[in-house]
C-alpha cells in the first residue's frame, strides 16, 4: 500500500510502512488524525485504562481497531496516543487474556460451591501453584484397603474365567457303533454258545 505525501506540486510516492506513525508510538495526536480511516473498524473498547508510564496514572479510554490502538485521557482531552500495527500484538494478547478471564468468571456463576472451588483449584494449578500434599492415612487402614482391593480384583478375575471357560461337550450315543450293539446284546456269552432250551418234563 502506498500514499502520496506533500502538496499538489511536490507529491512524493511513499510506502505506508515508512511513515513515522506506522513505526512508533505517537503522543498528543490531533483529533483529525484519531478519526477512523477508510476501512478501519473498532474491534474493542476499554474504559478507565490507567496510563502508568506517561501521564501520572491518568485514566483514559483504549480503543482497539483493525489498524491501530488509540488511547486518550479522559481528564485532559489533548493527551492522546496512537499505536501502530507493529506494536499491536502485545496489546491484543492482553485484551484476549482479559476476555478469556471474563468468560471464565461468567461460567463460574453457574456452578455450585464445591464445583467452583474445584475449578478455582484447577486454575491455580494451571497458573503454576503447588498442589496439595496427599492426606495422611493410618498404615493399618491403608493395608486393609489394599487387601480388600486385591481380593475384589481376584474375585472379578475368577468370575471372568468361569464365564469364559467353555462347557464340556455332551457325548452323543452312536446306536450304530459295534460296542453299542455288543452291549445291547449282552456280554457275548450267549452269542458264542447260543440260546439254551430246557426240555419240557412232566408234560402229559
C-alpha atoms as a PDB file:
ATOM      1  CA  UNK A   1       0.000   0.000   0.000  1.00  0.00           C
ATOM      2  CA  UNK A   2       1.384   3.447  -0.949  1.00  0.00           C
ATOM      3  CA  UNK A   3       0.440   7.031  -0.104  1.00  0.00           C
ATOM      4  CA  UNK A   4       1.068  10.401  -1.803  1.00  0.00           C
ATOM      5  CA  UNK A   5       2.675  12.880   0.617  1.00  0.00           C
ATOM      6  CA  UNK A   6       3.114  16.647   0.018  1.00  0.00           C
ATOM      7  CA  UNK A   7       1.291  19.438  -1.830  1.00  0.00           C
ATOM      8  CA  UNK A   8      -0.100  19.244  -5.349  1.00  0.00           C
ATOM      9  CA  UNK A   9       3.218  20.358  -6.922  1.00  0.00           C
ATOM     10  CA  UNK A  10       5.630  18.137  -4.993  1.00  0.00           C
ATOM     11  CA  UNK A  11       3.796  14.891  -4.442  1.00  0.00           C
ATOM     12  CA  UNK A  12       6.074  12.062  -3.335  1.00  0.00           C
ATOM     13  CA  UNK A  13       5.006   8.403  -3.531  1.00  0.00           C
ATOM     14  CA  UNK A  14       5.855   6.822  -0.185  1.00  0.00           C
ATOM     15  CA  UNK A  15       5.168   3.376   1.256  1.00  0.00           C
ATOM     16  CA  UNK A  16       2.948   3.349   4.336  1.00  0.00           C
ATOM     17  CA  UNK A  17       5.459   1.207   6.267  1.00  0.00           C
ATOM     18  CA  UNK A  18       7.963   4.075   6.004  1.00  0.00           C
ATOM     19  CA  UNK A  19       5.664   6.553   7.760  1.00  0.00           C
ATOM     20  CA  UNK A  20       6.682   7.503  11.286  1.00  0.00           C
ATOM     21  CA  UNK A  21       3.160   6.941  12.583  1.00  0.00           C
ATOM     22  CA  UNK A  22       3.195   3.318  11.489  1.00  0.00           C
ATOM     23  CA  UNK A  23       6.526   2.564  13.143  1.00  0.00           C
ATOM     24  CA  UNK A  24       6.353   4.114  16.613  1.00  0.00           C
ATOM     25  CA  UNK A  25       4.022   5.442  19.295  1.00  0.00           C
ATOM     26  CA  UNK A  26       2.765   8.978  18.715  1.00  0.00           C
ATOM     27  CA  UNK A  27       1.877  11.255  21.636  1.00  0.00           C
ATOM     28  CA  UNK A  28      -0.695  14.076  21.657  1.00  0.00           C
ATOM     29  CA  UNK A  29      -2.079  13.158  18.262  1.00  0.00           C
ATOM     30  CA  UNK A  30      -4.528  15.721  16.800  1.00  0.00           C
ATOM     31  CA  UNK A  31      -8.214  14.794  16.803  1.00  0.00           C
ATOM     32  CA  UNK A  32      -8.300  14.790  12.996  1.00  0.00           C
ATOM     33  CA  UNK A  33      -5.702  12.002  12.882  1.00  0.00           C
ATOM     34  CA  UNK A  34      -7.539   9.995  15.531  1.00  0.00           C
ATOM     35  CA  UNK A  35     -10.677   9.715  13.442  1.00  0.00           C
ATOM     36  CA  UNK A  36     -11.480   6.403  11.836  1.00  0.00           C
ATOM     37  CA  UNK A  37      -9.795   5.923   8.492  1.00  0.00           C
ATOM     38  CA  UNK A  38     -11.240   4.279   5.408  1.00  0.00           C
ATOM     39  CA  UNK A  39     -11.612   0.564   6.108  1.00  0.00           C
ATOM     40  CA  UNK A  40     -10.818   0.967   9.818  1.00  0.00           C
ATOM     41  CA  UNK A  41     -13.174  -0.770  12.252  1.00  0.00           C
ATOM     42  CA  UNK A  42     -13.365  -0.749  16.044  1.00  0.00           C
ATOM     43  CA  UNK A  43     -12.668  -4.211  17.494  1.00  0.00           C
ATOM     44  CA  UNK A  44     -12.838  -3.440  21.206  1.00  0.00           C
ATOM     45  CA  UNK A  45     -13.122  -0.502  23.579  1.00  0.00           C
ATOM     46  CA  UNK A  46     -11.960  -0.397  27.216  1.00  0.00           C
ATOM     47  CA  UNK A  47     -12.822   2.477  29.547  1.00  0.00           C
ATOM     48  CA  UNK A  48     -10.820   3.638  32.569  1.00  0.00           C
ATOM     49  CA  UNK A  49      -7.483   2.216  31.418  1.00  0.00           C
ATOM     50  CA  UNK A  50      -4.669   3.615  33.540  1.00  0.00           C
ATOM     51  CA  UNK A  51      -1.573   5.059  31.865  1.00  0.00           C
ATOM     52  CA  UNK A  52       1.176   4.341  34.408  1.00  0.00           C
ATOM     53  CA  UNK A  53       4.110   5.469  32.266  1.00  0.00           C
ATOM     54  CA  UNK A  54       3.466   8.778  30.584  1.00  0.00           C
ATOM     55  CA  UNK A  55       0.774  10.755  32.391  1.00  0.00           C
ATOM     56  CA  UNK A  56       0.995  10.065  36.139  1.00  0.00           C
ATOM     57  CA  UNK A  57      -1.587   7.309  36.095  1.00  0.00           C
ATOM     58  CA  UNK A  58      -4.335   9.201  34.279  1.00  0.00           C
ATOM     59  CA  UNK A  59      -7.458   7.249  33.435  1.00  0.00           C
ATOM     60  CA  UNK A  60      -8.234   7.001  29.754  1.00  0.00           C
ATOM     61  CA  UNK A  61     -10.101   5.117  27.063  1.00  0.00           C
ATOM     62  CA  UNK A  62      -8.384   2.423  25.000  1.00  0.00           C
ATOM     63  CA  UNK A  63      -9.769   1.790  21.506  1.00  0.00           C
ATOM     64  CA  UNK A  64      -8.551  -1.218  19.515  1.00  0.00           C
ATOM     65  CA  UNK A  65      -9.105  -1.139  15.744  1.00  0.00           C
ATOM     66  CA  UNK A  66      -8.007  -3.377  12.915  1.00  0.00           C
ATOM     67  CA  UNK A  67      -5.253  -0.863  12.035  1.00  0.00           C
ATOM     68  CA  UNK A  68      -4.022   0.611  15.327  1.00  0.00           C
ATOM     69  CA  UNK A  69      -4.624   1.177  19.026  1.00  0.00           C
ATOM     70  CA  UNK A  70      -5.636   4.611  20.334  1.00  0.00           C
ATOM     71  CA  UNK A  71      -5.541   5.797  23.943  1.00  0.00           C
ATOM     72  CA  UNK A  72      -6.752   9.199  25.063  1.00  0.00           C
ATOM     73  CA  UNK A  73      -7.050  10.719  28.501  1.00  0.00           C
ATOM     74  CA  UNK A  74     -10.498  11.259  29.981  1.00  0.00           C
ATOM     75  CA  UNK A  75      -9.362  14.197  32.116  1.00  0.00           C
ATOM     76  CA  UNK A  76      -7.134  16.085  29.636  1.00  0.00           C
ATOM     77  CA  UNK A  77      -8.517  15.646  26.135  1.00  0.00           C
ATOM     78  CA  UNK A  78      -5.393  16.858  24.361  1.00  0.00           C
ATOM     79  CA  UNK A  79      -3.330  13.937  25.716  1.00  0.00           C
ATOM     80  CA  UNK A  80      -3.579  11.083  23.258  1.00  0.00           C
ATOM     81  CA  UNK A  81      -1.519   8.183  22.000  1.00  0.00           C
ATOM     82  CA  UNK A  82      -1.639   6.224  18.783  1.00  0.00           C
ATOM     83  CA  UNK A  83      -0.011   2.821  18.498  1.00  0.00           C
ATOM     84  CA  UNK A  84       0.991   1.393  15.132  1.00  0.00           C
ATOM     85  CA  UNK A  85       0.413  -2.091  13.747  1.00  0.00           C
ATOM     86  CA  UNK A  86       3.855  -3.324  14.810  1.00  0.00           C
ATOM     87  CA  UNK A  87       3.054  -2.612  18.475  1.00  0.00           C
ATOM     88  CA  UNK A  88      -0.436  -4.154  18.482  1.00  0.00           C
ATOM     89  CA  UNK A  89       0.451  -7.800  19.109  1.00  0.00           C
ATOM     90  CA  UNK A  90       1.268  -7.469  22.822  1.00  0.00           C
ATOM     91  CA  UNK A  91      -1.804  -5.339  23.497  1.00  0.00           C
ATOM     92  CA  UNK A  92      -4.047  -7.784  21.608  1.00  0.00           C
ATOM     93  CA  UNK A  93      -2.689 -10.608  23.755  1.00  0.00           C
ATOM     94  CA  UNK A  94      -3.547  -8.669  26.922  1.00  0.00           C
ATOM     95  CA  UNK A  95      -7.064  -7.952  25.613  1.00  0.00           C
ATOM     96  CA  UNK A  96      -7.604 -11.627  24.743  1.00  0.00           C
ATOM     97  CA  UNK A  97      -6.416 -12.724  28.189  1.00  0.00           C
ATOM     98  CA  UNK A  98      -8.841 -10.315  29.804  1.00  0.00           C
ATOM     99  CA  UNK A  99     -11.690 -11.559  27.581  1.00  0.00           C
ATOM    100  CA  UNK A 100     -10.921 -15.193  28.436  1.00  0.00           C
ATOM    101  CA  UNK A 101     -10.882 -14.373  32.136  1.00  0.00           C
ATOM    102  CA  UNK A 102     -14.240 -12.592  31.850  1.00  0.00           C
ATOM    103  CA  UNK A 103     -15.726 -15.677  30.153  1.00  0.00           C
ATOM    104  CA  UNK A 104     -14.237 -17.863  32.901  1.00  0.00           C
ATOM    105  CA  UNK A 105     -15.783 -15.686  35.633  1.00  0.00           C
ATOM    106  CA  UNK A 106     -19.160 -15.785  33.878  1.00  0.00           C
ATOM    107  CA  UNK A 107     -19.004 -19.588  33.680  1.00  0.00           C
ATOM    108  CA  UNK A 108     -18.250 -19.750  37.417  1.00  0.00           C
ATOM    109  CA  UNK A 109     -21.626 -18.236  38.284  1.00  0.00           C
ATOM    110  CA  UNK A 110     -23.499 -21.343  37.123  1.00  0.00           C
ATOM    111  CA  UNK A 111     -21.523 -23.769  39.302  1.00  0.00           C
ATOM    112  CA  UNK A 112     -22.164 -24.952  42.830  1.00  0.00           C
ATOM    113  CA  UNK A 113     -19.792 -24.062  45.665  1.00  0.00           C
ATOM    114  CA  UNK A 114     -17.959 -27.403  45.511  1.00  0.00           C
ATOM    115  CA  UNK A 115     -17.582 -27.274  41.714  1.00  0.00           C
ATOM    116  CA  UNK A 116     -16.480 -23.630  41.896  1.00  0.00           C
ATOM    117  CA  UNK A 117     -13.764 -24.443  44.437  1.00  0.00           C
ATOM    118  CA  UNK A 118     -12.564 -27.362  42.302  1.00  0.00           C
ATOM    119  CA  UNK A 119     -12.489 -25.146  39.195  1.00  0.00           C
ATOM    120  CA  UNK A 120     -10.526 -22.456  41.025  1.00  0.00           C
ATOM    121  CA  UNK A 121      -8.121 -25.107  42.331  1.00  0.00           C
ATOM    122  CA  UNK A 122      -7.547 -26.426  38.772  1.00  0.00           C
ATOM    123  CA  UNK A 123      -6.990 -22.875  37.501  1.00  0.00           C
ATOM    124  CA  UNK A 124      -4.428 -22.239  40.248  1.00  0.00           C
ATOM    125  CA  UNK A 125      -2.566 -25.414  39.245  1.00  0.00           C
ATOM    126  CA  UNK A 126      -2.529 -24.278  35.601  1.00  0.00           C
ATOM    127  CA  UNK A 127      -1.085 -20.928  36.655  1.00  0.00           C
ATOM    128  CA  UNK A 128       1.775 -22.672  38.488  1.00  0.00           C
ATOM    129  CA  UNK A 129       0.520 -23.202  42.038  1.00  0.00           C
ATOM    130  CA  UNK A 130       1.988 -26.050  44.107  1.00  0.00           C
ATOM    131  CA  UNK A 131      -0.552 -28.883  44.507  1.00  0.00           C
ATOM    132  CA  UNK A 132      -1.635 -30.017  47.950  1.00  0.00           C
ATOM    133  CA  UNK A 133       0.039 -32.967  49.629  1.00  0.00           C
ATOM    134  CA  UNK A 134      -1.853 -36.233  49.887  1.00  0.00           C
ATOM    135  CA  UNK A 135      -3.956 -36.609  53.012  1.00  0.00           C
ATOM    136  CA  UNK A 136      -2.262 -38.702  55.749  1.00  0.00           C
ATOM    137  CA  UNK A 137      -3.790 -42.132  56.439  1.00  0.00           C
ATOM    138  CA  UNK A 138      -3.119 -44.818  59.055  1.00  0.00           C
ATOM    139  CA  UNK A 139      -0.896 -47.648  57.789  1.00  0.00           C
ATOM    140  CA  UNK A 140      -3.204 -50.420  59.087  1.00  0.00           C
ATOM    141  CA  UNK A 141      -6.212 -48.848  57.401  1.00  0.00           C
ATOM    142  CA  UNK A 142      -4.244 -48.425  54.168  1.00  0.00           C
ATOM    143  CA  UNK A 143      -3.112 -52.072  54.309  1.00  0.00           C
ATOM    144  CA  UNK A 144      -6.688 -53.295  54.810  1.00  0.00           C
ATOM    145  CA  UNK A 145      -7.898 -51.173  51.898  1.00  0.00           C
ATOM    146  CA  UNK A 146      -5.194 -52.600  49.616  1.00  0.00           C
ATOM    147  CA  UNK A 147      -6.019 -56.173  50.657  1.00  0.00           C
ATOM    148  CA  UNK A 148      -9.719 -55.599  50.041  1.00  0.00           C
ATOM    149  CA  UNK A 149      -8.915 -54.120  46.634  1.00  0.00           C
ATOM    150  CA  UNK A 150      -6.722 -57.114  45.704  1.00  0.00           C
ATOM    151  CA  UNK A 151      -9.424 -59.552  46.841  1.00  0.00           C
ATOM    152  CA  UNK A 152     -12.046 -57.762  44.769  1.00  0.00           C
ATOM    153  CA  UNK A 153      -9.769 -57.890  41.704  1.00  0.00           C
ATOM    154  CA  UNK A 154      -9.087 -61.610  42.268  1.00  0.00           C
ATOM    155  CA  UNK A 155     -12.803 -62.392  42.616  1.00  0.00           C
ATOM    156  CA  UNK A 156     -13.543 -60.475  39.447  1.00  0.00           C
ATOM    157  CA  UNK A 157     -10.834 -62.365  37.515  1.00  0.00           C
ATOM    158  CA  UNK A 158     -12.071 -65.773  38.705  1.00  0.00           C
ATOM    159  CA  UNK A 159     -15.625 -64.862  37.764  1.00  0.00           C
ATOM    160  CA  UNK A 160     -14.455 -63.810  34.300  1.00  0.00           C
ATOM    161  CA  UNK A 161     -12.571 -67.110  33.884  1.00  0.00           C
ATOM    162  CA  UNK A 162     -15.707 -69.050  34.805  1.00  0.00           C
ATOM    163  CA  UNK A 163     -17.720 -67.125  32.254  1.00  0.00           C
ATOM    164  CA  UNK A 164     -15.107 -67.588  29.540  1.00  0.00           C
ATOM    165  CA  UNK A 165     -14.392 -71.317  30.246  1.00  0.00           C
ATOM    166  CA  UNK A 166     -16.159 -73.461  27.573  1.00  0.00           C
ATOM    167  CA  UNK A 167     -18.703 -76.042  28.658  1.00  0.00           C
ATOM    168  CA  UNK A 168     -17.863 -79.733  28.253  1.00  0.00           C
ATOM    169  CA  UNK A 169     -19.489 -81.194  25.176  1.00  0.00           C
ATOM    170  CA  UNK A 170     -22.101 -83.865  25.832  1.00  0.00           C
ATOM    171  CA  UNK A 171     -21.326 -87.190  24.192  1.00  0.00           C
ATOM    172  CA  UNK A 172     -23.965 -88.379  21.771  1.00  0.00           C
ATOM    173  CA  UNK A 173     -24.599 -92.118  21.699  1.00  0.00           C
ATOM    174  CA  UNK A 174     -23.974 -93.725  18.356  1.00  0.00           C
ATOM    175  CA  UNK A 175     -26.505 -96.565  18.025  1.00  0.00           C
ATOM    176  CA  UNK A 176     -24.689 -97.968  15.009  1.00  0.00           C
ATOM    177  CA  UNK A 177     -21.352 -98.466  16.721  1.00  0.00           C
ATOM    178  CA  UNK A 178     -20.062-102.012  17.267  1.00  0.00           C
ATOM    179  CA  UNK A 179     -19.602-101.581  21.009  1.00  0.00           C
ATOM    180  CA  UNK A 180     -23.121-100.275  21.438  1.00  0.00           C
ATOM    181  CA  UNK A 181     -24.615-103.264  19.607  1.00  0.00           C
ATOM    182  CA  UNK A 182     -22.472-105.640  21.588  1.00  0.00           C
ATOM    183  CA  UNK A 183     -23.562-104.133  24.901  1.00  0.00           C
ATOM    184  CA  UNK A 184     -27.197-104.316  23.916  1.00  0.00           C
ATOM    185  CA  UNK A 185     -26.867-107.995  23.005  1.00  0.00           C
ATOM    186  CA  UNK A 186     -25.067-108.913  26.201  1.00  0.00           C
ATOM    187  CA  UNK A 187     -21.549-109.734  27.333  1.00  0.00           C
ATOM    188  CA  UNK A 188     -21.030-112.040  24.362  1.00  0.00           C
ATOM    189  CA  UNK A 189     -21.528-115.434  26.091  1.00  0.00           C
ATOM    190  CA  UNK A 190     -24.968-116.044  24.631  1.00  0.00           C
ATOM    191  CA  UNK A 191     -23.714-115.087  21.230  1.00  0.00           C
ATOM    192  CA  UNK A 192     -20.935-117.682  21.423  1.00  0.00           C
ATOM    193  CA  UNK A 193     -22.930-120.626  22.766  1.00  0.00           C
ATOM    194  CA  UNK A 194     -26.354-119.782  21.535  1.00  0.00           C
ATOM    195  CA  UNK A 195     -29.606-119.988  23.463  1.00  0.00           C
ATOM    196  CA  UNK A 196     -30.309-122.834  25.934  1.00  0.00           C
ATOM    197  CA  UNK A 197     -33.635-124.634  25.576  1.00  0.00           C
ATOM    198  CA  UNK A 198     -34.914-126.556  28.549  1.00  0.00           C
ATOM    199  CA  UNK A 199     -36.915-129.763  27.710  1.00  0.00           C
ATOM    200  CA  UNK A 200     -40.446-129.884  28.902  1.00  0.00           C
ATOM    201  CA  UNK A 201     -40.586-132.564  31.601  1.00  0.00           C
ATOM    202  CA  UNK A 202     -43.739-133.963  33.103  1.00  0.00           C
ATOM    203  CA  UNK A 203     -45.953-132.893  30.283  1.00  0.00           C
ATOM    204  CA  UNK A 204     -48.641-135.437  29.720  1.00  0.00           C
END
